[in-house]
Protein backbone atom coordinates (compact mmCIF):
# COMPACT_ATOMS: atom_id res chain seq x y z
CA MET A 1 24.07 0.48 -22.07
CA THR A 2 24.58 -3.25 -21.66
CA VAL A 3 21.98 -5.67 -20.38
CA LYS A 4 22.91 -8.63 -18.19
CA MET A 5 21.99 -11.76 -20.12
CA THR A 6 20.05 -13.92 -17.68
CA VAL A 7 17.84 -16.84 -18.68
CA PRO A 8 14.62 -14.76 -18.34
CA VAL A 9 16.17 -11.91 -20.38
CA ALA A 10 17.25 -14.42 -23.04
CA LYS A 11 13.71 -15.86 -23.20
CA VAL A 12 12.20 -12.38 -23.65
CA LEU A 13 14.74 -11.45 -26.32
CA ALA A 14 14.16 -14.72 -28.17
CA ALA A 15 10.39 -14.05 -28.16
CA LEU A 16 10.94 -10.51 -29.43
CA LEU A 17 13.34 -11.72 -32.13
CA ALA A 18 10.74 -14.20 -33.41
CA ASP A 19 9.14 -11.11 -34.99
CA PRO A 20 11.79 -8.37 -34.67
CA ALA A 21 9.77 -5.70 -36.49
CA GLY A 22 6.51 -6.55 -34.73
CA GLU A 23 4.89 -4.98 -31.72
CA HIS A 24 4.52 -7.21 -28.68
CA TYR A 25 2.48 -6.73 -25.52
CA GLY A 26 2.97 -8.07 -22.01
CA LEU A 27 0.38 -10.85 -21.87
CA GLN A 28 1.55 -12.17 -25.23
CA LEU A 29 5.17 -12.22 -24.00
CA MET A 30 4.17 -13.90 -20.73
CA GLN A 31 2.42 -16.66 -22.68
CA GLN A 32 5.35 -17.11 -25.09
CA THR A 33 8.05 -17.18 -22.41
CA GLY A 34 6.31 -18.58 -19.34
CA ILE A 35 7.67 -15.63 -17.36
CA ALA A 36 5.41 -14.02 -14.72
CA SER A 37 4.52 -10.34 -14.92
CA GLY A 38 6.59 -9.51 -11.83
CA THR A 39 9.70 -10.62 -13.71
CA LEU A 40 8.69 -9.65 -17.24
CA TYR A 41 7.88 -5.98 -16.77
CA PRO A 42 11.16 -5.11 -14.99
CA ILE A 43 13.01 -6.83 -17.87
CA LEU A 44 11.05 -4.80 -20.43
CA THR A 45 11.84 -1.62 -18.49
CA ARG A 46 15.57 -2.47 -18.42
CA LEU A 47 15.55 -3.19 -22.16
CA GLN A 48 13.74 0.06 -22.81
CA ASN A 49 16.18 2.03 -20.61
CA ALA A 50 19.06 0.42 -22.51
CA GLY A 51 17.60 1.65 -25.81
CA TRP A 52 16.84 -1.86 -27.03
CA LEU A 53 13.04 -1.35 -27.02
CA THR A 54 10.53 1.37 -27.67
CA ALA A 55 7.12 1.32 -26.00
CA ARG A 56 3.78 2.93 -26.72
CA TRP A 57 0.24 2.71 -25.43
CA GLU A 58 -2.35 1.61 -27.98
CA ASP A 59 -4.98 4.10 -29.09
CA GLU A 60 -7.87 1.79 -28.23
CA ASP A 61 -10.70 2.72 -25.89
CA PRO A 62 -10.73 0.00 -23.18
CA SER A 63 -14.54 -0.09 -23.10
CA ASP A 64 -14.66 -0.63 -26.88
CA ALA A 65 -11.96 -3.31 -26.74
CA GLY A 66 -13.48 -5.06 -23.71
CA ARG A 67 -10.02 -5.29 -22.14
CA PRO A 68 -7.37 -3.02 -20.65
CA VAL A 69 -5.31 -0.84 -22.98
CA ARG A 70 -2.15 -2.60 -24.14
CA ARG A 71 1.38 -1.26 -24.00
CA TYR A 72 3.25 -2.37 -27.11
CA TYR A 73 7.00 -3.02 -27.12
CA GLN A 74 9.14 -3.10 -30.25
CA LEU A 75 12.83 -3.82 -30.72
CA THR A 76 14.91 -0.93 -32.01
CA PRO A 77 17.36 -1.78 -34.81
CA GLU A 78 20.20 -1.47 -32.28
CA GLY A 79 18.27 -3.61 -29.81
CA ALA A 80 17.66 -6.34 -32.37
CA GLU A 81 21.38 -6.44 -33.21
CA ALA A 82 22.38 -6.41 -29.53
CA ALA A 83 19.84 -9.16 -28.79
CA ARG A 84 21.17 -11.37 -31.60
CA THR A 85 24.74 -10.81 -30.45
CA GLY A 86 23.91 -11.42 -26.80
CA LEU A 87 22.00 -14.62 -27.51
CA ALA A 88 24.78 -15.90 -29.78
CA GLU A 89 27.35 -15.24 -27.05
CA LEU A 90 25.16 -16.99 -24.48
CA ARG A 91 24.75 -19.96 -26.81
CA ALA A 92 28.52 -20.13 -27.36
CA GLN A 93 29.20 -19.99 -23.61
CA THR A 94 26.73 -22.74 -22.79
CA SER A 95 27.41 -25.16 -25.65
CA ILE A 96 29.82 -28.06 -25.46
CA VAL A 97 33.14 -26.91 -26.89
CA ALA A 98 34.51 -30.23 -28.14
CA PRO A 99 32.41 -33.24 -29.12
CA MET A 100 33.15 -36.55 -27.45
CA THR A 101 35.56 -38.43 -29.71
CA GLU A 102 35.62 -41.72 -27.88
CA ALA A 103 32.81 -43.93 -26.71
CA PRO A 104 32.27 -43.86 -22.96
CA PRO A 105 33.74 -46.82 -21.07
CA ALA A 106 31.53 -49.89 -20.96
CA LEU A 107 29.75 -50.46 -17.71
CA GLY A 108 30.31 -53.69 -15.84
CA PRO A 109 27.62 -56.33 -15.42
CA ALA A 110 24.43 -55.25 -13.67
CA TRP A 111 24.36 -56.19 -10.01
C-alpha cells in the first residue's frame, strides 16, 4: 500500500528514521515534529495500515509509571525503506533542478 507523502507525513517519517530501529511513542513524536495529536495519530494509523509501522502497548502499570500507558510505534524494514525512498523523492521534487549560472540583474538606484 502506498502512503501519500504530505508535509506532516514527511515530518513523522523523518522523526522515525532518526532512529529507525527504535520504538517511538506519540508524545515524543509530537514534540519532535510539532504536529498535534489530531493529525499525528491518523498518520500513524495510515502508516500502520500500510505495513510501514508496527505498534504495541507497553507492559507498564499506569499507576506505577505515574502516567498513561504508552503505545510504541516502530518502523518495519519495508517501512524504513519506503520512508527513505519517499523522502528522497519528495526532496528531489522540491529542490531546485538547475543552479543559477548568472548573477541576477543589478537593480537601479534606490528611489
